[in-house]
N, C-alpha and C. Protein backbone atom coordinates (compact mmCIF):
# COMPACT_ATOMS: atom_id res chain seq x y z
N MET A 1 -11.49 41.67 -81.38
CA MET A 1 -10.32 41.51 -82.43
C MET A 1 -10.68 42.23 -83.67
N THR A 2 -10.19 43.63 -83.87
CA THR A 2 -10.47 44.48 -85.04
C THR A 2 -10.13 43.77 -86.32
N THR A 3 -10.92 43.84 -87.18
CA THR A 3 -10.78 43.26 -88.66
C THR A 3 -10.87 44.35 -89.50
N ILE A 4 -10.06 44.32 -90.47
CA ILE A 4 -9.79 45.16 -91.73
C ILE A 4 -10.20 44.43 -92.87
N GLU A 5 -11.32 45.22 -93.59
CA GLU A 5 -11.47 44.72 -95.03
C GLU A 5 -10.89 45.61 -95.85
N LEU A 6 -10.36 44.93 -97.05
CA LEU A 6 -9.62 45.71 -97.98
C LEU A 6 -10.36 45.17 -99.35
N THR A 7 -10.89 46.36 -100.00
CA THR A 7 -11.59 46.01 -101.39
C THR A 7 -10.95 46.79 -102.38
N ARG A 8 -10.19 46.38 -103.36
CA ARG A 8 -9.88 47.12 -104.35
C ARG A 8 -10.62 46.75 -105.73
N PHE A 9 -10.85 48.00 -106.32
CA PHE A 9 -12.02 47.90 -107.40
C PHE A 9 -11.52 49.16 -108.49
N ARG A 10 -12.21 48.93 -109.55
CA ARG A 10 -11.98 49.91 -110.57
C ARG A 10 -13.22 50.68 -110.91
N VAL A 11 -12.93 52.01 -111.24
CA VAL A 11 -14.12 52.87 -111.55
C VAL A 11 -13.90 53.70 -112.74
N ARG A 12 -14.60 53.71 -113.77
CA ARG A 12 -14.31 54.41 -114.99
C ARG A 12 -14.25 56.05 -114.75
N PRO A 13 -13.52 56.55 -115.34
CA PRO A 13 -13.24 58.00 -115.02
C PRO A 13 -14.77 58.76 -114.96
N ASP A 14 -15.55 58.42 -115.98
CA ASP A 14 -16.90 59.11 -116.00
C ASP A 14 -17.87 58.70 -114.88
N ARG A 15 -17.37 57.78 -114.05
CA ARG A 15 -18.30 57.29 -112.87
C ARG A 15 -17.77 57.73 -111.55
N GLU A 16 -16.54 58.39 -111.56
CA GLU A 16 -15.95 58.89 -110.47
C GLU A 16 -16.82 59.67 -109.59
N SER A 17 -17.55 60.72 -110.14
CA SER A 17 -18.39 61.77 -109.41
C SER A 17 -19.56 61.17 -108.91
N ALA A 18 -20.05 60.02 -109.59
CA ALA A 18 -21.11 59.25 -109.09
C ALA A 18 -20.71 58.59 -107.76
N LEU A 19 -19.45 58.10 -107.73
CA LEU A 19 -18.93 57.13 -106.76
C LEU A 19 -18.74 58.15 -105.53
N LEU A 20 -18.35 59.16 -105.74
CA LEU A 20 -17.91 60.18 -104.51
C LEU A 20 -19.26 60.70 -104.08
N ALA A 21 -20.17 61.00 -104.69
CA ALA A 21 -21.37 61.40 -104.51
C ALA A 21 -22.34 60.51 -103.75
N ALA A 22 -22.26 59.18 -103.98
CA ALA A 22 -22.73 58.10 -103.35
C ALA A 22 -21.98 57.74 -102.04
N ARG A 23 -20.88 58.04 -101.69
CA ARG A 23 -20.15 57.68 -100.65
C ARG A 23 -20.70 58.21 -99.31
N PRO A 24 -21.20 59.31 -99.11
CA PRO A 24 -21.73 59.62 -97.75
C PRO A 24 -22.97 58.71 -97.51
N GLY A 25 -23.92 58.52 -98.46
CA GLY A 25 -25.11 57.84 -98.21
C GLY A 25 -24.69 56.40 -97.86
N MET A 26 -23.66 55.73 -98.52
CA MET A 26 -23.25 54.44 -98.11
C MET A 26 -22.89 54.27 -96.81
N LEU A 27 -21.83 55.25 -96.40
CA LEU A 27 -21.40 55.52 -94.99
C LEU A 27 -22.57 55.39 -93.94
N ALA A 28 -23.61 56.25 -94.33
CA ALA A 28 -24.71 56.51 -93.33
C ALA A 28 -25.39 55.27 -93.19
N ASP A 29 -25.50 54.43 -94.34
CA ASP A 29 -26.24 53.28 -94.39
C ASP A 29 -25.65 52.17 -93.48
N PHE A 30 -24.16 52.29 -93.75
CA PHE A 30 -23.31 51.20 -92.94
C PHE A 30 -23.59 51.54 -91.54
N ALA A 31 -23.43 52.83 -91.16
CA ALA A 31 -23.32 53.41 -89.53
C ALA A 31 -24.92 52.88 -89.03
N ALA A 32 -25.95 52.90 -89.80
CA ALA A 32 -27.28 52.65 -89.24
C ALA A 32 -27.53 51.16 -89.48
N ASP A 33 -26.93 50.44 -90.23
CA ASP A 33 -27.42 49.20 -90.46
C ASP A 33 -26.52 48.08 -90.27
N ARG A 34 -25.12 48.29 -90.01
CA ARG A 34 -24.19 47.22 -89.83
C ARG A 34 -23.53 47.28 -88.47
N ASP A 35 -24.01 46.33 -87.69
CA ASP A 35 -23.36 46.25 -86.53
C ASP A 35 -21.68 46.03 -86.53
N GLY A 36 -21.30 46.60 -85.64
CA GLY A 36 -19.60 46.32 -85.48
C GLY A 36 -18.96 47.16 -86.53
N PHE A 37 -19.53 48.24 -87.47
CA PHE A 37 -18.75 49.06 -88.32
C PHE A 37 -18.26 50.10 -87.63
N VAL A 38 -17.10 50.30 -87.80
CA VAL A 38 -16.07 51.40 -87.14
C VAL A 38 -15.95 52.61 -87.89
N GLU A 39 -15.30 52.16 -89.19
CA GLU A 39 -15.22 53.41 -90.03
C GLU A 39 -14.68 52.97 -91.42
N ALA A 40 -14.72 53.81 -92.37
CA ALA A 40 -14.29 53.34 -93.80
C ALA A 40 -13.43 54.51 -94.40
N ARG A 41 -12.31 54.18 -95.14
CA ARG A 41 -11.31 55.08 -95.82
C ARG A 41 -11.35 54.52 -97.15
N LEU A 42 -11.33 55.80 -98.10
CA LEU A 42 -11.45 55.42 -99.50
C LEU A 42 -10.24 55.98 -100.03
N VAL A 43 -9.45 55.27 -100.74
CA VAL A 43 -8.02 55.69 -101.27
C VAL A 43 -8.29 55.63 -102.67
N ARG A 44 -7.60 56.55 -103.48
CA ARG A 44 -7.47 56.56 -105.05
C ARG A 44 -6.27 56.14 -105.47
N LEU A 45 -6.16 55.27 -106.14
CA LEU A 45 -4.84 54.55 -106.59
C LEU A 45 -4.65 54.80 -108.18
N PRO A 46 -3.62 54.80 -108.63
CA PRO A 46 -3.40 54.84 -110.08
C PRO A 46 -4.23 53.93 -110.83
N GLY A 47 -4.32 54.42 -112.25
CA GLY A 47 -5.07 53.47 -113.05
C GLY A 47 -6.48 53.18 -112.97
N ASP A 48 -7.28 54.31 -112.59
CA ASP A 48 -8.77 54.10 -112.27
C ASP A 48 -9.11 53.07 -111.16
N GLU A 49 -8.16 52.74 -110.37
CA GLU A 49 -8.51 51.86 -109.20
C GLU A 49 -8.56 52.66 -108.10
N TRP A 50 -9.28 52.06 -107.00
CA TRP A 50 -9.55 52.52 -105.66
C TRP A 50 -9.49 51.37 -104.63
N LEU A 51 -9.15 51.95 -103.46
CA LEU A 51 -9.27 50.98 -102.31
C LEU A 51 -9.98 51.31 -101.14
N ASP A 52 -10.85 50.43 -100.61
CA ASP A 52 -11.73 50.77 -99.60
C ASP A 52 -11.36 50.19 -98.32
N VAL A 53 -10.84 50.96 -97.35
CA VAL A 53 -10.31 50.19 -96.22
C VAL A 53 -11.44 50.33 -95.02
N VAL A 54 -11.91 49.25 -94.64
CA VAL A 54 -13.33 49.36 -93.67
C VAL A 54 -12.61 48.71 -92.51
N THR A 55 -13.00 49.11 -91.32
CA THR A 55 -12.64 48.60 -90.17
C THR A 55 -13.89 48.09 -89.47
N TRP A 56 -13.77 46.87 -88.94
CA TRP A 56 -14.91 46.19 -88.15
C TRP A 56 -14.43 45.98 -86.72
N GLN A 57 -15.51 45.87 -85.84
CA GLN A 57 -15.02 45.41 -84.48
C GLN A 57 -14.61 43.94 -84.30
N ALA A 58 -15.07 43.05 -85.34
CA ALA A 58 -14.82 41.53 -85.30
C ALA A 58 -15.14 41.03 -86.52
N PRO A 59 -14.50 39.79 -87.00
CA PRO A 59 -14.77 39.29 -88.09
C PRO A 59 -16.20 38.86 -88.15
N GLU A 60 -17.00 38.47 -87.43
CA GLU A 60 -18.32 38.08 -87.64
C GLU A 60 -19.33 39.32 -87.88
N HIS A 61 -18.62 40.62 -87.73
CA HIS A 61 -19.52 41.84 -88.16
C HIS A 61 -19.12 41.81 -89.45
N LEU A 62 -17.94 41.70 -90.06
CA LEU A 62 -17.86 41.68 -91.51
C LEU A 62 -18.65 40.65 -92.40
N ALA A 63 -18.60 39.27 -91.66
CA ALA A 63 -19.46 38.41 -92.35
C ALA A 63 -20.77 38.71 -92.39
N ALA A 64 -21.34 39.06 -91.21
CA ALA A 64 -22.79 39.49 -91.32
C ALA A 64 -23.16 40.59 -92.38
N SER A 65 -22.09 41.64 -92.56
CA SER A 65 -22.21 42.81 -93.45
C SER A 65 -22.26 42.08 -94.90
N ARG A 66 -21.50 41.21 -95.21
CA ARG A 66 -21.36 40.57 -96.53
C ARG A 66 -22.69 39.91 -96.83
N ALA A 67 -23.20 39.02 -95.86
CA ALA A 67 -24.34 38.51 -96.04
C ALA A 67 -25.62 39.50 -96.36
N LYS A 68 -25.62 40.64 -95.83
CA LYS A 68 -26.74 41.51 -96.18
C LYS A 68 -26.41 42.24 -97.44
N GLY A 69 -25.31 42.26 -97.96
CA GLY A 69 -25.04 42.86 -99.28
C GLY A 69 -25.51 44.24 -99.42
N ALA A 70 -25.96 44.66 -100.68
CA ALA A 70 -26.39 45.99 -100.92
C ALA A 70 -27.96 46.01 -100.56
N ASN A 71 -28.40 46.18 -99.30
CA ASN A 71 -29.68 46.20 -98.85
C ASN A 71 -30.37 47.57 -98.70
N LEU A 72 -29.57 48.68 -98.89
CA LEU A 72 -29.95 50.00 -98.54
C LEU A 72 -29.61 50.83 -99.74
N PRO A 73 -30.29 51.97 -99.95
CA PRO A 73 -30.19 52.78 -101.16
C PRO A 73 -28.79 53.16 -101.29
N GLY A 74 -28.34 53.83 -100.24
CA GLY A 74 -26.67 54.54 -100.29
C GLY A 74 -25.88 53.35 -100.78
N ILE A 75 -26.07 52.12 -100.12
CA ILE A 75 -25.06 51.13 -100.58
C ILE A 75 -25.15 50.71 -102.02
N VAL A 76 -26.37 50.54 -102.37
CA VAL A 76 -26.68 50.39 -103.96
C VAL A 76 -26.19 51.36 -104.75
N ALA A 77 -26.37 52.58 -104.61
CA ALA A 77 -25.73 53.75 -105.24
C ALA A 77 -24.34 53.48 -105.22
N PHE A 78 -23.62 53.46 -104.27
CA PHE A 78 -22.07 53.28 -104.24
C PHE A 78 -21.79 52.09 -105.18
N PHE A 79 -22.32 50.90 -104.83
CA PHE A 79 -21.77 49.66 -105.52
C PHE A 79 -22.11 49.94 -107.05
N ALA A 80 -23.24 50.53 -107.52
CA ALA A 80 -23.54 50.82 -108.72
C ALA A 80 -22.36 51.43 -109.70
N ALA A 81 -21.57 52.42 -109.14
CA ALA A 81 -20.69 53.32 -109.43
C ALA A 81 -19.23 52.48 -109.83
N ILE A 82 -19.15 51.39 -109.23
CA ILE A 82 -18.09 50.46 -109.53
C ILE A 82 -18.09 49.63 -110.67
N ASP A 83 -17.24 49.59 -111.64
CA ASP A 83 -17.12 49.00 -112.77
C ASP A 83 -16.68 47.46 -112.58
N ALA A 84 -15.68 47.47 -111.75
CA ALA A 84 -15.06 45.94 -111.56
C ALA A 84 -14.34 45.64 -110.32
N LEU A 85 -14.49 44.56 -109.68
CA LEU A 85 -13.94 44.35 -108.41
C LEU A 85 -12.41 43.78 -108.77
N VAL A 86 -11.40 44.15 -108.18
CA VAL A 86 -9.89 43.64 -108.33
C VAL A 86 -9.61 42.64 -107.50
N ALA A 87 -9.88 43.03 -106.12
CA ALA A 87 -9.45 41.97 -105.17
C ALA A 87 -10.37 42.30 -103.84
N ALA A 88 -10.49 41.39 -102.96
CA ALA A 88 -11.08 41.29 -101.50
C ALA A 88 -10.56 40.84 -100.70
N GLU A 89 -10.03 41.36 -99.62
CA GLU A 89 -9.18 40.67 -98.55
C GLU A 89 -9.60 41.24 -97.15
N GLU A 90 -9.16 40.43 -96.12
CA GLU A 90 -9.45 40.82 -94.70
C GLU A 90 -8.42 40.34 -93.90
N GLY A 91 -8.22 41.17 -92.91
CA GLY A 91 -6.98 40.76 -91.92
C GLY A 91 -7.30 41.41 -90.60
N THR A 92 -6.52 40.90 -89.52
CA THR A 92 -6.57 41.21 -88.20
C THR A 92 -5.55 42.36 -87.88
N LEU A 93 -6.18 43.50 -87.42
CA LEU A 93 -5.30 44.45 -86.91
C LEU A 93 -4.40 44.11 -85.77
N VAL A 94 -2.96 44.42 -86.06
CA VAL A 94 -2.16 43.88 -84.91
C VAL A 94 -1.33 44.95 -84.27
N ASP A 95 -1.62 46.37 -84.81
CA ASP A 95 -1.05 47.54 -83.92
C ASP A 95 -2.32 48.62 -83.98
N GLY A 96 -1.98 49.63 -83.09
CA GLY A 96 -2.99 50.53 -83.08
C GLY A 96 -3.86 50.50 -81.76
N PRO A 97 -4.82 51.28 -81.75
CA PRO A 97 -5.88 51.30 -80.66
C PRO A 97 -6.88 50.02 -80.62
């Protein structure tokens, strides 16, 4: 059962370059350390907000990832660029592969 994680957050304009520079390291750390990680897409929204859309093979993979937190340098650097969490949700993919 494919699980989609939706995390909306704010980044100050002066931290956008740090966020984008840290993204490849965060994705590499997720691929190496997070069982069930499929992919992640980052969407820039209006008003200094961003949406991270992360695909997991199953809800237990997302839960295990959340339990690990920012345990590797690439993840720490990405999270450090975030100013504020706006919302975090998860759901089950009902169409697609």
